[in-house]
Amino acid sequence: MSLPKFTDKVCYKHGLTQYVLEGREYYRCKKCRVEAVLKRRRKLKQLAVEYLGGSCVKCGYNKSVSALDFHHVDPTTKSFGIAENGFTRSWDALQSELDKCILICANCHRELHHEG
């Protein structure tokens, strides 16, 4: 007999909320799960920004990590978009893709694509 995919339980952090059945046959608070994924993505973005030097290669902007983009220098070598479809990838896979990119602020990135 299979377990139901969702159930309501009490989370110590969120109170009564929906739990989802994880792959290893245990339930996890959906809100805690989302928070954990967001935390990991933020950590990977910070590591990726540091890996590529921490500031825009065109103007030197470095105030907000969220305003920095990863631009593939040669789009034909692109295996995946760094933040594509919300997937979280391993650091090794991410590093391989970052080696094909430059770090550029959102403003310079838009200007680069407008010029191209």
Protein backbone atom coordinates (compact mmCIF):
# COMPACT_ATOMS: atom_id res chain seq x y z
CA MET A 1 0.00 0.00 0.00
CA SER A 2 1.45 3.39 -0.95
CA LEU A 3 1.59 6.35 1.39
CA PRO A 4 -0.35 9.53 0.56
CA LYS A 5 1.84 12.18 -1.14
CA PHE A 6 0.66 14.99 1.20
CA THR A 7 -0.60 15.16 4.75
CA ASP A 8 -1.22 17.85 7.33
CA LYS A 9 1.05 17.87 10.38
CA VAL A 10 2.34 20.31 12.96
CA CYS A 11 5.74 21.79 12.18
CA TYR A 12 7.70 23.20 15.12
CA LYS A 13 8.45 26.30 13.02
CA HIS A 14 5.29 26.82 10.92
CA GLY A 15 2.54 25.23 13.00
CA LEU A 16 -0.15 23.21 11.24
CA THR A 17 0.92 22.94 7.62
CA GLN A 18 1.15 20.56 4.71
CA TYR A 19 3.88 17.91 4.67
CA VAL A 20 5.11 16.22 1.51
CA LEU A 21 6.38 12.67 1.17
CA GLU A 22 10.10 12.72 0.40
CA GLY A 23 11.85 10.11 -1.74
CA ARG A 24 13.14 8.21 1.28
CA GLU A 25 9.62 7.55 2.58
CA TYR A 26 9.42 10.27 5.23
CA TYR A 27 7.35 13.43 5.43
CA ARG A 28 8.81 16.94 5.47
CA CYS A 29 7.18 20.31 6.03
CA LYS A 30 6.69 21.92 2.60
CA LYS A 31 7.53 25.39 3.92
CA CYS A 32 10.76 24.16 5.57
CA ARG A 33 11.64 22.39 2.33
CA VAL A 34 11.20 25.57 0.27
CA GLU A 35 13.26 27.57 2.77
CA ALA A 36 16.08 25.00 2.62
CA VAL A 37 16.16 25.11 -1.19
CA LEU A 38 16.22 28.94 -1.20
CA LYS A 39 19.02 28.94 1.37
CA ARG A 40 21.09 26.52 -0.74
CA ARG A 41 20.52 28.53 -3.93
CA ARG A 42 21.58 31.75 -2.19
CA LYS A 43 24.71 30.03 -0.87
CA LEU A 44 25.59 28.67 -4.33
CA LYS A 45 25.05 32.11 -5.89
CA GLN A 46 27.36 33.69 -3.30
CA LEU A 47 30.02 31.03 -3.95
CA ALA A 48 29.64 31.47 -7.71
CA VAL A 49 30.00 35.25 -7.46
CA GLU A 50 33.13 34.84 -5.33
CA TYR A 51 34.48 32.22 -7.77
CA LEU A 52 34.23 34.75 -10.63
CA GLY A 53 35.87 37.58 -8.73
CA GLY A 54 33.02 39.23 -6.83
CA SER A 55 32.35 42.22 -9.08
CA CYS A 56 31.19 43.19 -12.57
CA VAL A 57 34.00 42.83 -15.10
CA LYS A 58 32.81 45.93 -16.97
CA CYS A 59 32.08 48.51 -14.26
CA GLY A 60 33.25 46.93 -10.98
CA TYR A 61 29.78 46.89 -9.34
CA ASN A 62 29.74 44.67 -6.22
CA LYS A 63 27.06 46.01 -3.86
CA SER A 64 24.38 43.32 -4.23
CA VAL A 65 24.85 39.70 -5.22
CA SER A 66 21.29 39.64 -6.56
CA ALA A 67 22.21 42.30 -9.16
CA LEU A 68 25.07 40.25 -10.58
CA ASP A 69 24.55 37.92 -13.56
CA PHE A 70 26.55 35.15 -15.18
CA HIS A 71 27.02 35.80 -18.90
CA HIS A 72 28.14 32.99 -21.20
CA VAL A 73 30.92 34.41 -23.37
CA ASP A 74 30.23 31.86 -26.11
CA PRO A 75 26.56 30.81 -26.06
CA THR A 76 27.31 27.72 -28.18
CA THR A 77 29.25 26.18 -25.26
CA LYS A 78 26.38 26.68 -22.81
CA SER A 79 25.33 23.38 -21.20
CA PHE A 80 22.69 24.95 -18.96
CA GLY A 81 21.63 28.29 -17.59
CA ILE A 82 23.01 28.87 -14.11
CA ALA A 83 19.55 29.58 -12.64
CA GLU A 84 17.51 27.88 -15.35
CA ASN A 85 14.15 26.42 -14.31
CA GLY A 86 15.08 26.77 -10.64
CA PHE A 87 17.28 23.66 -10.68
CA THR A 88 19.92 23.38 -8.02
CA ARG A 89 23.04 21.67 -9.30
CA SER A 90 26.19 20.34 -7.66
CA TRP A 91 29.07 22.75 -7.07
CA ASP A 92 31.28 20.78 -9.49
CA ALA A 93 28.71 21.06 -12.30
CA LEU A 94 28.21 24.73 -11.50
CA GLN A 95 31.96 25.44 -11.57
CA SER A 96 32.30 23.81 -14.99
CA GLU A 97 29.58 26.08 -16.34
CA LEU A 98 30.94 29.17 -14.56
CA ASP A 99 34.27 28.64 -16.34
CA LYS A 100 32.40 29.58 -19.54
CA CYS A 101 31.03 32.81 -18.04
CA ILE A 102 31.94 36.30 -16.96
CA LEU A 103 30.41 38.02 -13.95
CA ILE A 104 28.52 41.13 -14.98
CA CYS A 105 26.02 43.42 -13.27
CA ALA A 106 22.44 43.41 -14.50
CA ASN A 107 22.74 46.87 -16.07
CA CYS A 108 25.92 46.08 -18.02
CA HIS A 109 24.44 42.70 -18.98
CA ARG A 110 21.36 44.34 -20.51
CA GLU A 111 23.57 46.84 -22.35
CA LEU A 112 25.79 44.01 -23.63
CA HIS A 113 22.79 42.16 -25.08
CA HIS A 114 21.35 45.38 -26.52
CA GLU A 115 24.64 46.12 -28.30
CA GLY A 116 24.99 42.57 -29.62
